[in-house]
Structures are given as C-alpha cells and as structure tokens.
Amino acid sequence: MSSPAAGKNTVLTAGFAQMPKGTPLHEAYALVGCVLIIDVEQERIVDAGFTFLMDTTSSFLADLVRGMSVANGAGEIQKAIQERFLAPGQGAVLQAVRAAVDRYLEHKKTPPT
C-alpha cells in the first residue's frame, strides 16, 4: 500500500550540503541530506526527512517544515530553522533545504516533455 505522500500530486526533491569540517557532525556525516515531498497543487511540504545521527533531530526538523509553502522559495522555511533549530550544522541544514527547494522550483519552470 502506498503512502499518501507518494500520491500523483506529489514530487520528491532532495538537497545536500557539507557539514562544517572539524566538528563531530562532520566526522559522523560529511553531508547532511534533506528530502522534501511536495504537493505540487498546494506547493506545500507534505513530508520531509533529514540525515542525522539522532532520530530526534530529523523528526524535529521534519515536523518544523511540514506544511510550509515552497511557492516563493525557501525563505519561510529558513527563517523557522534559524529561529528554532539551535544546533551545530544549522548552516548546512539551511543550505540543504535551499538546494531541495531550488531544485523543485527549477523543475517547475521546465516545460513537460
């Protein structure tokens, strides 16, 4: 049985960014990944996942971005992360989110073949 997030009105996009060198996070994960599932009709995030050692961190970030709009870019999402995700690697998370949203917006501009 498929997930509602995998419906025909959704797309999956991903972005990655390098963790800061010289930090324990870089030793564990050189990159942070952000996967967003976006409802293309509403242009809202219906689900999200992040690569982190602790499930709590990934769950917190996913809960934070779920339901947010990507119609005008990543600004609203980045503001929420800056205000509420006060942990090492915040910059990498912001960059990965921006890359995922930018990838979606670029795809949206591309005419179907």
PDB file of N, CA and C in Angstrom:
ATOM      1  N   MET A   1       0.842  -1.179   0.000  1.00  0.00           N
ATOM      2  CA  MET A   1       0.000   0.000   0.000  1.00  0.00           C
ATOM      3  C   MET A   1       0.887   1.242   0.000  1.00  0.00           C
ATOM      4  N   SER A   2       0.579   2.202  -0.847  1.00  0.00           N
ATOM      5  CA  SER A   2       1.433   3.379  -0.954  1.00  0.00           C
ATOM      6  C   SER A   2       1.037   4.448   0.061  1.00  0.00           C
ATOM      7  N   SER A   3       2.007   5.267   0.391  1.00  0.00           N
ATOM      8  CA  SER A   3       1.805   6.372   1.325  1.00  0.00           C
ATOM      9  C   SER A   3       1.045   7.500   0.633  1.00  0.00           C
ATOM     10  N   PRO A   4       0.210   8.261   1.378  1.00  0.00           N
ATOM     11  CA  PRO A   4      -0.443   9.425   0.771  1.00  0.00           C
ATOM     12  C   PRO A   4       0.572  10.418   0.213  1.00  0.00           C
ATOM     13  N   ALA A   5       1.751  10.462   0.810  1.00  0.00           N
ATOM     14  CA  ALA A   5       2.790  11.372   0.334  1.00  0.00           C
ATOM     15  C   ALA A   5       3.276  10.977  -1.055  1.00  0.00           C
ATOM     16  N   ALA A   6       3.078   9.724  -1.436  1.00  0.00           N
ATOM     17  CA  ALA A   6       3.533   9.256  -2.750  1.00  0.00           C
ATOM     18  C   ALA A   6       2.420   9.352  -3.783  1.00  0.00           C
ATOM     19  N   GLY A   7       1.429  10.195  -3.537  1.00  0.00           N
ATOM     20  CA  GLY A   7       0.323  10.363  -4.473  1.00  0.00           C
ATOM     21  C   GLY A   7       0.772  11.008  -5.764  1.00  0.00           C
ATOM     22  N   LYS A   8      -0.124  11.019  -6.743  1.00  0.00           N
ATOM     23  CA  LYS A   8       0.251  11.532  -8.065  1.00  0.00           C
ATOM     24  C   LYS A   8       0.445  13.047  -8.084  1.00  0.00           C
ATOM     25  N   ASN A   9       0.026  13.747  -7.053  1.00  0.00           N
ATOM     26  CA  ASN A   9       0.202  15.201  -6.987  1.00  0.00           C
ATOM     27  C   ASN A   9       1.424  15.611  -6.175  1.00  0.00           C
ATOM     28  N   THR A  10       2.304  14.663  -5.913  1.00  0.00           N
ATOM     29  CA  THR A  10       3.490  14.979  -5.118  1.00  0.00           C
ATOM     30  C   THR A  10       4.757  14.676  -5.901  1.00  0.00           C
ATOM     31  N   VAL A  11       5.814  15.392  -5.534  1.00  0.00           N
ATOM     32  CA  VAL A  11       7.149  15.117  -6.058  1.00  0.00           C
ATOM     33  C   VAL A  11       8.113  15.034  -4.876  1.00  0.00           C
ATOM     34  N   LEU A  12       9.178  14.296  -5.067  1.00  0.00           N
ATOM     35  CA  LEU A  12      10.233  14.202  -4.066  1.00  0.00           C
ATOM     36  C   LEU A  12      11.433  14.959  -4.609  1.00  0.00           C
ATOM     37  N   THR A  13      11.978  15.831  -3.795  1.00  0.00           N
ATOM     38  CA  THR A  13      13.173  16.579  -4.162  1.00  0.00           C
ATOM     39  C   THR A  13      14.178  16.477  -3.018  1.00  0.00           C
ATOM     40  N   ALA A  14      15.439  16.615  -3.343  1.00  0.00           N
ATOM     41  CA  ALA A  14      16.466  16.467  -2.313  1.00  0.00           C
ATOM     42  C   ALA A  14      17.557  17.509  -2.505  1.00  0.00           C
ATOM     43  N   GLY A  15      18.183  17.844  -1.391  1.00  0.00           N
ATOM     44  CA  GLY A  15      19.328  18.740  -1.402  1.00  0.00           C
ATOM     45  C   GLY A  15      20.351  18.259  -0.394  1.00  0.00           C
ATOM     46  N   PHE A  16      21.602  18.557  -0.642  1.00  0.00           N
ATOM     47  CA  PHE A  16      22.682  18.111   0.232  1.00  0.00           C
ATOM     48  C   PHE A  16      23.647  19.257   0.468  1.00  0.00           C
ATOM     49  N   ALA A  17      24.294  19.232   1.623  1.00  0.00           N
ATOM     50  CA  ALA A  17      25.293  20.246   1.951  1.00  0.00           C
ATOM     51  C   ALA A  17      26.341  19.627   2.869  1.00  0.00           C
ATOM     52  N   GLN A  18      27.543  20.148   2.786  1.00  0.00           N
ATOM     53  CA  GLN A  18      28.642  19.643   3.597  1.00  0.00           C
ATOM     54  C   GLN A  18      28.555  20.189   5.018  1.00  0.00           C
ATOM     55  N   MET A  19      28.754  19.300   5.975  1.00  0.00           N
ATOM     56  CA  MET A  19      28.828  19.715   7.374  1.00  0.00           C
ATOM     57  C   MET A  19      30.144  20.461   7.599  1.00  0.00           C
ATOM     58  N   PRO A  20      30.171  21.366   8.589  1.00  0.00           N
ATOM     59  CA  PRO A  20      31.409  22.105   8.858  1.00  0.00           C
ATOM     60  C   PRO A  20      32.546  21.159   9.253  1.00  0.00           C
ATOM     61  N   LYS A  21      33.688  21.332   8.605  1.00  0.00           N
ATOM     62  CA  LYS A  21      34.854  20.492   8.915  1.00  0.00           C
ATOM     63  C   LYS A  21      35.345  20.788  10.318  1.00  0.00           C
ATOM     64  N   GLY A  22      35.906  19.760  10.943  1.00  0.00           N
ATOM     65  CA  GLY A  22      36.438  19.915  12.284  1.00  0.00           C
ATOM     66  C   GLY A  22      35.397  19.779  13.383  1.00  0.00           C
ATOM     67  N   THR A  23      34.170  19.397  13.026  1.00  0.00           N
ATOM     68  CA  THR A  23      33.123  19.198  14.033  1.00  0.00           C
ATOM     69  C   THR A  23      32.803  17.706  14.131  1.00  0.00           C
ATOM     70  N   PRO A  24      32.277  17.266  15.286  1.00  0.00           N
ATOM     71  CA  PRO A  24      31.891  15.864  15.414  1.00  0.00           C
ATOM     72  C   PRO A  24      30.856  15.445  14.359  1.00  0.00           C
ATOM     73  N   LEU A  25      29.990  16.387  13.971  1.00  0.00           N
ATOM     74  CA  LEU A  25      28.995  16.064  12.946  1.00  0.00           C
ATOM     75  C   LEU A  25      29.657  15.739  11.617  1.00  0.00           C
ATOM     76  N   HIS A  26      30.730  16.461  11.284  1.00  0.00           N
ATOM     77  CA  HIS A  26      31.422  16.186  10.026  1.00  0.00           C
ATOM     78  C   HIS A  26      32.066  14.815  10.064  1.00  0.00           C
ATOM     79  N   GLU A  27      32.561  14.432  11.240  1.00  0.00           N
ATOM     80  CA  GLU A  27      33.185  13.108  11.372  1.00  0.00           C
ATOM     81  C   GLU A  27      32.151  11.995  11.185  1.00  0.00           C
ATOM     82  N   ALA A  28      30.938  12.224  11.647  1.00  0.00           N
ATOM     83  CA  ALA A  28      29.886  11.214  11.524  1.00  0.00           C
ATOM     84  C   ALA A  28      29.216  11.259  10.152  1.00  0.00           C
ATOM     85  N   TYR A  29      28.924  12.451   9.689  1.00  0.00           N
ATOM     86  CA  TYR A  29      28.269  12.657   8.404  1.00  0.00           C
ATOM     87  C   TYR A  29      28.962  13.804   7.695  1.00  0.00           C
ATOM     88  N   ALA A  30      29.641  13.533   6.614  1.00  0.00           N
ATOM     89  CA  ALA A  30      30.283  14.603   5.868  1.00  0.00           C
ATOM     90  C   ALA A  30      29.228  15.516   5.238  1.00  0.00           C
ATOM     91  N   LEU A  31      28.086  14.919   4.899  1.00  0.00           N
ATOM     92  CA  LEU A  31      26.999  15.670   4.267  1.00  0.00           C
ATOM     93  C   LEU A  31      25.722  15.545   5.075  1.00  0.00           C
ATOM     94  N   VAL A  32      24.906  16.575   5.008  1.00  0.00           N
ATOM     95  CA  VAL A  32      23.546  16.478   5.533  1.00  0.00           C
ATOM     96  C   VAL A  32      22.635  16.441   4.312  1.00  0.00           C
ATOM     97  N   GLY A  33      21.658  15.563   4.362  1.00  0.00           N
ATOM     98  CA  GLY A  33      20.691  15.461   3.276  1.00  0.00           C
ATOM     99  C   GLY A  33      19.319  15.909   3.740  1.00  0.00           C
ATOM    100  N   CYS A  34      18.604  16.544   2.838  1.00  0.00           N
ATOM    101  CA  CYS A  34      17.239  16.993   3.087  1.00  0.00           C
ATOM    102  C   CYS A  34      16.375  16.467   1.956  1.00  0.00           C
ATOM    103  N   VAL A  35      15.367  15.680   2.290  1.00  0.00           N
ATOM    104  CA  VAL A  35      14.421  15.170   1.310  1.00  0.00           C
ATOM    105  C   VAL A  35      13.065  15.785   1.619  1.00  0.00           C
ATOM    106  N   LEU A  36      12.465  16.413   0.617  1.00  0.00           N
ATOM    107  CA  LEU A  36      11.149  17.023   0.778  1.00  0.00           C
ATOM    108  C   LEU A  36      10.167  16.372  -0.183  1.00  0.00           C
ATOM    109  N   ILE A  37       8.992  16.058   0.309  1.00  0.00           N
ATOM    110  CA  ILE A  37       7.895  15.616  -0.542  1.00  0.00           C
ATOM    111  C   ILE A  37       6.921  16.776  -0.604  1.00  0.00           C
ATOM    112  N   ILE A  38       6.684  17.253  -1.817  1.00  0.00           N
ATOM    113  CA  ILE A  38       5.916  18.483  -2.026  1.00  0.00           C
ATOM    114  C   ILE A  38       4.640  18.183  -2.796  1.00  0.00           C
ATOM    115  N   ASP A  39       3.521  18.677  -2.295  1.00  0.00           N
ATOM    116  CA  ASP A  39       2.252  18.643  -3.019  1.00  0.00           C
ATOM    117  C   ASP A  39       2.331  19.739  -4.071  1.00  0.00           C
ATOM    118  N   VAL A  40       2.323  19.366  -5.346  1.00  0.00           N
ATOM    119  CA  VAL A  40       2.549  20.355  -6.405  1.00  0.00           C
ATOM    120  C   VAL A  40       1.350  21.267  -6.629  1.00  0.00           C
ATOM    121  N   GLU A  41       0.158  20.843  -6.224  1.00  0.00           N
ATOM    122  CA  GLU A  41      -1.014  21.707  -6.373  1.00  0.00           C
ATOM    123  C   GLU A  41      -1.037  22.807  -5.315  1.00  0.00           C
ATOM    124  N   GLN A  42      -0.730  22.431  -4.080  1.00  0.00           N
ATOM    125  CA  GLN A  42      -0.727  23.407  -2.987  1.00  0.00           C
ATOM    126  C   GLN A  42       0.645  24.039  -2.771  1.00  0.00           C
ATOM    127  N   GLU A  43       1.666  23.441  -3.361  1.00  0.00           N
ATOM    128  CA  GLU A  43       3.055  23.866  -3.174  1.00  0.00           C
ATOM    129  C   GLU A  43       3.421  23.932  -1.694  1.00  0.00           C
ATOM    130  N   ARG A  44       3.061  22.860  -1.005  1.00  0.00           N
ATOM    131  CA  ARG A  44       3.360  22.719   0.423  1.00  0.00           C
ATOM    132  C   ARG A  44       4.097  21.410   0.667  1.00  0.00           C
ATOM    133  N   ILE A  45       4.941  21.422   1.677  1.00  0.00           N
ATOM    134  CA  ILE A  45       5.680  20.219   2.062  1.00  0.00           C
ATOM    135  C   ILE A  45       4.729  19.291   2.808  1.00  0.00           C
ATOM    136  N   VAL A  46       4.575  18.066   2.306  1.00  0.00           N
ATOM    137  CA  VAL A  46       3.706  17.105   2.985  1.00  0.00           C
ATOM    138  C   VAL A  46       4.506  16.141   3.852  1.00  0.00           C
ATOM    139  N   ASP A  47       5.791  15.992   3.556  1.00  0.00           N
ATOM    140  CA  ASP A  47       6.653  15.169   4.398  1.00  0.00           C
ATOM    141  C   ASP A  47       8.101  15.558   4.138  1.00  0.00           C
ATOM    142  N   ALA A  48       8.958  15.217   5.085  1.00  0.00           N
ATOM    143  CA  ALA A  48      10.368  15.589   4.968  1.00  0.00           C
ATOM    144  C   ALA A  48      11.219  14.613   5.755  1.00  0.00           C
ATOM    145  N   GLY A  49      12.470  14.520   5.372  1.00  0.00           N
ATOM    146  CA  GLY A  49      13.432  13.697   6.097  1.00  0.00           C
ATOM    147  C   GLY A  49      14.804  14.341   6.033  1.00  0.00           C
ATOM    148  N   PHE A  50      15.578  14.144   7.083  1.00  0.00           N
ATOM    149  CA  PHE A  50      16.922  14.704   7.173  1.00  0.00           C
ATOM    150  C   PHE A  50      17.859  13.620   7.671  1.00  0.00           C
ATOM    151  N   THR A  51      19.109  13.638   7.210  1.00  0.00           N
ATOM    152  CA  THR A  51      20.082  12.648   7.656  1.00  0.00           C
ATOM    153  C   THR A  51      20.812  13.175   8.890  1.00  0.00           C
ATOM    154  N   PHE A  52      20.552  12.562  10.018  1.00  0.00           N
ATOM    155  CA  PHE A  52      21.233  12.906  11.264  1.00  0.00           C
ATOM    156  C   PHE A  52      21.428  11.657  12.098  1.00  0.00           C
ATOM    157  N   LEU A  53      22.420  11.701  12.997  1.00  0.00           N
ATOM    158  CA  LEU A  53      22.673  10.572  13.881  1.00  0.00           C
ATOM    159  C   LEU A  53      21.468  10.265  14.770  1.00  0.00           C
ATOM    160  N   MET A  54      20.852  11.305  15.281  1.00  0.00           N
ATOM    161  CA  MET A  54      19.750  11.108  16.215  1.00  0.00           C
ATOM    162  C   MET A  54      18.419  11.314  15.509  1.00  0.00           C
ATOM    163  N   ASP A  55      17.527  10.335  15.663  1.00  0.00           N
ATOM    164  CA  ASP A  55      16.201  10.432  15.055  1.00  0.00           C
ATOM    165  C   ASP A  55      15.446  11.663  15.545  1.00  0.00           C
ATOM    166  N   THR A  56      15.703  12.071  16.781  1.00  0.00           N
ATOM    167  CA  THR A  56      15.016  13.231  17.347  1.00  0.00           C
ATOM    168  C   THR A  56      15.270  14.475  16.516  1.00  0.00           C
ATOM    169  N   THR A  57      16.500  14.648  16.065  1.00  0.00           N
ATOM    170  CA  THR A  57      16.853  15.816  15.258  1.00  0.00           C
ATOM    171  C   THR A  57      16.115  15.795  13.934  1.00  0.00           C
ATOM    172  N   SER A  58      16.153  14.658  13.258  1.00  0.00           N
ATOM    173  CA  SER A  58      15.459  14.535  11.976  1.00  0.00           C
ATOM    174  C   SER A  58      13.959  14.733  12.141  1.00  0.00           C
ATOM    175  N   SER A  59      13.387  14.150  13.180  1.00  0.00           N
ATOM    176  CA  SER A  59      11.948  14.287  13.436  1.00  0.00           C
ATOM    177  C   SER A  59      11.570  15.733  13.721  1.00  0.00           C
ATOM    178  N   PHE A  60      12.382  16.408  14.520  1.00  0.00           N
ATOM    179  CA  PHE A  60      12.107  17.812  14.842  1.00  0.00           C
ATOM    180  C   PHE A  60      12.092  18.661  13.575  1.00  0.00           C
ATOM    181  N   LEU A  61      13.124  18.499  12.750  1.00  0.00           N
ATOM    182  CA  LEU A  61      13.197  19.284  11.522  1.00  0.00           C
ATOM    183  C   LEU A  61      12.046  18.966  10.573  1.00  0.00           C
ATOM    184  N   ALA A  62      11.707  17.679  10.448  1.00  0.00           N
ATOM    185  CA  ALA A  62      10.598  17.284   9.571  1.00  0.00           C
ATOM    186  C   ALA A  62       9.291  17.900  10.057  1.00  0.00           C
ATOM    187  N   ASP A  63       9.051  17.838  11.371  1.00  0.00           N
ATOM    188  CA  ASP A  63       7.840  18.442  11.931  1.00  0.00           C
ATOM    189  C   ASP A  63       7.825  19.952  11.711  1.00  0.00           C
ATOM    190  N   LEU A  64       8.996  20.565  11.800  1.00  0.00           N
ATOM    191  CA  LEU A  64       9.105  22.014  11.645  1.00  0.00           C
ATOM    192  C   LEU A  64       8.735  22.468  10.228  1.00  0.00           C
ATOM    193  N   VAL A  65       9.162  21.728   9.215  1.00  0.00           N
ATOM    194  CA  VAL A  65       8.944  22.172   7.833  1.00  0.00           C
ATOM    195  C   VAL A  65       7.648  21.638   7.211  1.00  0.00           C
ATOM    196  N   ARG A  66       7.100  20.588   7.796  1.00  0.00           N
ATOM    197  CA  ARG A  66       5.878  20.003   7.243  1.00  0.00           C
ATOM    198  C   ARG A  66       4.760  21.046   7.215  1.00  0.00           C
ATOM    199  N   GLY A  67       4.103  21.163   6.062  1.00  0.00           N
ATOM    200  CA  GLY A  67       3.005  22.111   5.905  1.00  0.00           C
ATOM    201  C   GLY A  67       3.433  23.471   5.397  1.00  0.00           C
ATOM    202  N   MET A  68       4.734  23.731   5.355  1.00  0.00           N
ATOM    203  CA  MET A  68       5.217  25.033   4.892  1.00  0.00           C
ATOM    204  C   MET A  68       5.153  25.142   3.373  1.00  0.00           C
ATOM    205  N   SER A  69       4.970  26.370   2.914  1.00  0.00           N
ATOM    206  CA  SER A  69       4.884  26.644   1.482  1.00  0.00           C
ATOM    207  C   SER A  69       6.277  26.768   0.868  1.00  0.00           C
ATOM    208  N   VAL A  70       6.403  26.284  -0.365  1.00  0.00           N
ATOM    209  CA  VAL A  70       7.633  26.465  -1.129  1.00  0.00           C
ATOM    210  C   VAL A  70       7.372  27.339  -2.363  1.00  0.00           C
ATOM    211  N   ALA A  71       6.165  27.878  -2.478  1.00  0.00           N
ATOM    212  CA  ALA A  71       5.765  28.635  -3.667  1.00  0.00           C
ATOM    213  C   ALA A  71       6.687  29.815  -3.942  1.00  0.00           C
ATOM    214  N   ASN A  72       7.171  30.470  -2.888  1.00  0.00           N
ATOM    215  CA  ASN A  72       8.025  31.655  -3.055  1.00  0.00           C
ATOM    216  C   ASN A  72       9.459  31.408  -2.634  1.00  0.00           C
ATOM    217  N   GLY A  73       9.884  30.155  -2.666  1.00  0.00           N
ATOM    218  CA  GLY A  73      11.250  29.831  -2.286  1.00  0.00           C
ATOM    219  C   GLY A  73      11.354  29.318  -0.868  1.00  0.00           C
ATOM    220  N   ALA A  74      12.568  29.295  -0.357  1.00  0.00           N
ATOM    221  CA  ALA A  74      12.850  28.676   0.937  1.00  0.00           C
ATOM    222  C   ALA A  74      12.885  29.662   2.098  1.00  0.00           C
ATOM    223  N   GLY A  75      12.562  30.925   1.873  1.00  0.00           N
ATOM    224  CA  GLY A  75      12.693  31.950   2.911  1.00  0.00           C
ATOM    225  C   GLY A  75      11.952  31.653   4.194  1.00  0.00           C
ATOM    226  N   GLU A  76      10.671  31.285   4.103  1.00  0.00           N
ATOM    227  CA  GLU A  76       9.865  30.993   5.290  1.00  0.00           C
ATOM    228  C   GLU A  76      10.441  29.802   6.057  1.00  0.00           C
ATOM    229  N   ILE A  77      10.868  28.800   5.322  1.00  0.00           N
ATOM    230  CA  ILE A  77      11.427  27.593   5.938  1.00  0.00           C
ATOM    231  C   ILE A  77      12.742  27.923   6.624  1.00  0.00           C
ATOM    232  N   GLN A  78      13.593  28.674   5.951  1.00  0.00           N
ATOM    233  CA  GLN A  78      14.886  29.026   6.520  1.00  0.00           C
ATOM    234  C   GLN A  78      14.737  29.876   7.782  1.00  0.00           C
ATOM    235  N   LYS A  79      13.783  30.782   7.786  1.00  0.00           N
ATOM    236  CA  LYS A  79      13.549  31.614   8.971  1.00  0.00           C
ATOM    237  C   LYS A  79      13.161  30.747  10.173  1.00  0.00           C
ATOM    238  N   ALA A  80      12.274  29.781   9.938  1.00  0.00           N
ATOM    239  CA  ALA A  80      11.846  28.887  11.024  1.00  0.00           C
ATOM    240  C   ALA A  80      13.017  28.057  11.540  1.00  0.00           C
ATOM    241  N   ILE A  81      13.852  27.573  10.640  1.00  0.00           N
ATOM    242  CA  ILE A  81      15.011  26.773  11.060  1.00  0.00           C
ATOM    243  C   ILE A  81      15.990  27.635  11.848  1.00  0.00           C
ATOM    244  N   GLN A  82      16.249  28.858  11.390  1.00  0.00           N
ATOM    245  CA  GLN A  82      17.171  29.752  12.102  1.00  0.00           C
ATOM    246  C   GLN A  82      16.677  30.075  13.505  1.00  0.00           C
ATOM    247  N   GLU A  83      15.368  30.225  13.650  1.00  0.00           N
ATOM    248  CA  GLU A  83      14.807  30.594  14.957  1.00  0.00           C
ATOM    249  C   GLU A  83      14.666  29.407  15.909  1.00  0.00           C
ATOM    250  N   ARG A  84      14.490  28.189  15.364  1.00  0.00           N
ATOM    251  CA  ARG A  84      14.124  27.081  16.241  1.00  0.00           C
ATOM    252  C   ARG A  84      15.097  25.913  16.259  1.00  0.00           C
ATOM    253  N   PHE A  85      15.996  25.815  15.287  1.00  0.00           N
ATOM    254  CA  PHE A  85      16.987  24.736  15.247  1.00  0.00           C
ATOM    255  C   PHE A  85      18.334  25.311  15.652  1.00  0.00           C
ATOM    256  N   LEU A  86      18.601  25.264  16.943  1.00  0.00           N
ATOM    257  CA  LEU A  86      19.792  25.905  17.511  1.00  0.00           C
ATOM    258  C   LEU A  86      20.843  24.839  17.806  1.00  0.00           C
ATOM    259  N   ALA A  87      21.391  24.280  16.730  1.00  0.00           N
ATOM    260  CA  ALA A  87      22.337  23.179  16.875  1.00  0.00           C
ATOM    261  C   ALA A  87      23.466  23.341  15.868  1.00  0.00           C
ATOM    262  N   PRO A  88      24.613  22.702  16.157  1.00  0.00           N
ATOM    263  CA  PRO A  88      25.694  22.719  15.166  1.00  0.00           C
ATOM    264  C   PRO A  88      25.190  22.150  13.844  1.00  0.00           C
ATOM    265  N   GLY A  89      25.673  22.688  12.774  1.00  0.00           N
ATOM    266  CA  GLY A  89      25.244  22.214  11.463  1.00  0.00           C
ATOM    267  C   GLY A  89      24.042  22.962  10.918  1.00  0.00           C
ATOM    268  N   GLN A  90      23.600  24.005  11.634  1.00  0.00           N
ATOM    269  CA  GLN A  90      22.433  24.754  11.171  1.00  0.00           C
ATOM    270  C   GLN A  90      22.654  25.293   9.754  1.00  0.00           C
ATOM    271  N   GLY A  91      23.833  25.826   9.494  1.00  0.00           N
ATOM    272  CA  GLY A  91      24.127  26.375   8.172  1.00  0.00           C
ATOM    273  C   GLY A  91      24.025  25.320   7.074  1.00  0.00           C
ATOM    274  N   ALA A  92      24.508  24.121   7.359  1.00  0.00           N
ATOM    275  CA  ALA A  92      24.428  23.029   6.378  1.00  0.00           C
ATOM    276  C   ALA A  92      22.978  22.630   6.138  1.00  0.00           C
ATOM    277  N   VAL A  93      22.175  22.608   7.196  1.00  0.00           N
ATOM    278  CA  VAL A  93      20.751  22.284   7.051  1.00  0.00           C
ATOM    279  C   VAL A  93      20.075  23.342   6.181  1.00  0.00           C
ATOM    280  N   LEU A  94      20.366  24.607   6.447  1.00  0.00           N
ATOM    281  CA  LEU A  94      19.785  25.690   5.647  1.00  0.00           C
ATOM    282  C   LEU A  94      20.164  25.548   4.177  1.00  0.00           C
ATOM    283  N   GLN A  95      21.415  25.228   3.923  1.00  0.00           N
ATOM    284  CA  GLN A  95      21.884  25.080   2.540  1.00  0.00           C
ATOM    285  C   GLN A  95      21.220  23.877   1.865  1.00  0.00           C
ATOM    286  N   ALA A  96      21.064  22.770   2.585  1.00  0.00           N
ATOM    287  CA  ALA A  96      20.433  21.577   2.009  1.00  0.00           C
ATOM    288  C   ALA A  96      18.961  21.833   1.695  1.00  0.00           C
ATOM    289  N   VAL A  97      18.267  22.538   2.592  1.00  0.00           N
ATOM    290  CA  VAL A  97      16.857  22.881   2.357  1.00  0.00           C
ATOM    291  C   VAL A  97      16.746  23.786   1.141  1.00  0.00           C
ATOM    292  N   ARG A  98      17.594  24.796   1.089  1.00  0.00           N
ATOM    293  CA  ARG A  98      17.569  25.725  -0.046  1.00  0.00           C
ATOM    294  C   ARG A  98      17.810  24.975  -1.356  1.00  0.00           C
ATOM    295  N   ALA A  99      18.758  24.038  -1.360  1.00  0.00           N
ATOM    296  CA  ALA A  99      19.052  23.255  -2.572  1.00  0.00           C
ATOM    297  C   ALA A  99      17.850  22.420  -2.993  1.00  0.00           C
ATOM    298  N   ALA A 100      17.161  21.810  -2.021  1.00  0.00           N
ATOM    299  CA  ALA A 100      15.991  20.987  -2.344  1.00  0.00           C
ATOM    300  C   ALA A 100      14.857  21.837  -2.906  1.00  0.00           C
ATOM    301  N   VAL A 101      14.591  22.980  -2.280  1.00  0.00           N
ATOM    302  CA  VAL A 101      13.518  23.869  -2.748  1.00  0.00           C
ATOM    303  C   VAL A 101      13.876  24.447  -4.121  1.00  0.00           C
ATOM    304  N   ASP A 102      15.127  24.871  -4.289  1.00  0.00           N
ATOM    305  CA  ASP A 102      15.553  25.399  -5.586  1.00  0.00           C
ATOM    306  C   ASP A 102      15.408  24.353  -6.687  1.00  0.00           C
ATOM    307  N   ARG A 103      15.737  23.103  -6.373  1.00  0.00           N
ATOM    308  CA  ARG A 103      15.596  22.029  -7.358  1.00  0.00           C
ATOM    309  C   ARG A 103      14.129  21.877  -7.767  1.00  0.00           C
ATOM    310  N   TYR A 104      13.232  21.924  -6.795  1.00  0.00           N
ATOM    311  CA  TYR A 104      11.785  21.840  -7.101  1.00  0.00           C
ATOM    312  C   TYR A 104      11.355  23.012  -7.988  1.00  0.00           C
ATOM    313  N   LEU A 105      11.737  24.224  -7.609  1.00  0.00           N
ATOM    314  CA  LEU A 105      11.323  25.407  -8.367  1.00  0.00           C
ATOM    315  C   LEU A 105      11.896  25.397  -9.783  1.00  0.00           C
ATOM    316  N   GLU A 106      13.120  24.920  -9.934  1.00  0.00           N
ATOM    317  CA  GLU A 106      13.722  24.825 -11.263  1.00  0.00           C
ATOM    318  C   GLU A 106      12.961  23.803 -12.123  1.00  0.00           C
ATOM    319  N   HIS A 107      12.595  22.698 -11.520  1.00  0.00           N
ATOM    320  CA  HIS A 107      11.814  21.674 -12.231  1.00  0.00           C
ATOM    321  C   HIS A 107      10.458  22.228 -12.657  1.00  0.00           C
ATOM    322  N   LYS A 108       9.866  23.012 -11.805  1.00  0.00           N
ATOM    323  CA  LYS A 108       8.554  23.599 -12.090  1.00  0.00           C
ATOM    324  C   LYS A 108       8.613  24.502 -13.324  1.00  0.00           C
ATOM    325  N   LYS A 109       9.740  25.176 -13.534  1.00  0.00           N
ATOM    326  CA  LYS A 109       9.901  26.060 -14.684  1.00  0.00           C
ATOM    327  C   LYS A 109      10.104  25.296 -15.997  1.00  0.00           C
ATOM    328  N   THR A 110      10.563  24.040 -15.885  1.00  0.00           N
ATOM    329  CA  THR A 110      10.884  23.253 -17.062  1.00  0.00           C
ATOM    330  C   THR A 110       9.599  22.729 -17.708  1.00  0.00           C
ATOM    331  N   PRO A 111       9.391  23.013 -18.999  1.00  0.00           N
ATOM    332  CA  PRO A 111       8.180  22.508 -19.648  1.00  0.00           C
ATOM    333  C   PRO A 111       8.206  20.982 -19.751  1.00  0.00           C
ATOM    334  N   PRO A 112       7.034  20.341 -19.607  1.00  0.00           N
ATOM    335  CA  PRO A 112       6.985  18.868 -19.716  1.00  0.00           C
ATOM    336  C   PRO A 112       7.384  18.419 -21.122  1.00  0.00           C
ATOM    337  N   THR A 113       8.008  17.258 -21.183  1.00  0.00           N
ATOM    338  CA  THR A 113       8.413  16.722 -22.487  1.00  0.00           C
ATOM    339  C   THR A 113       7.480  15.638 -22.965  1.00  0.00           C
TER     340      THR A 113
END
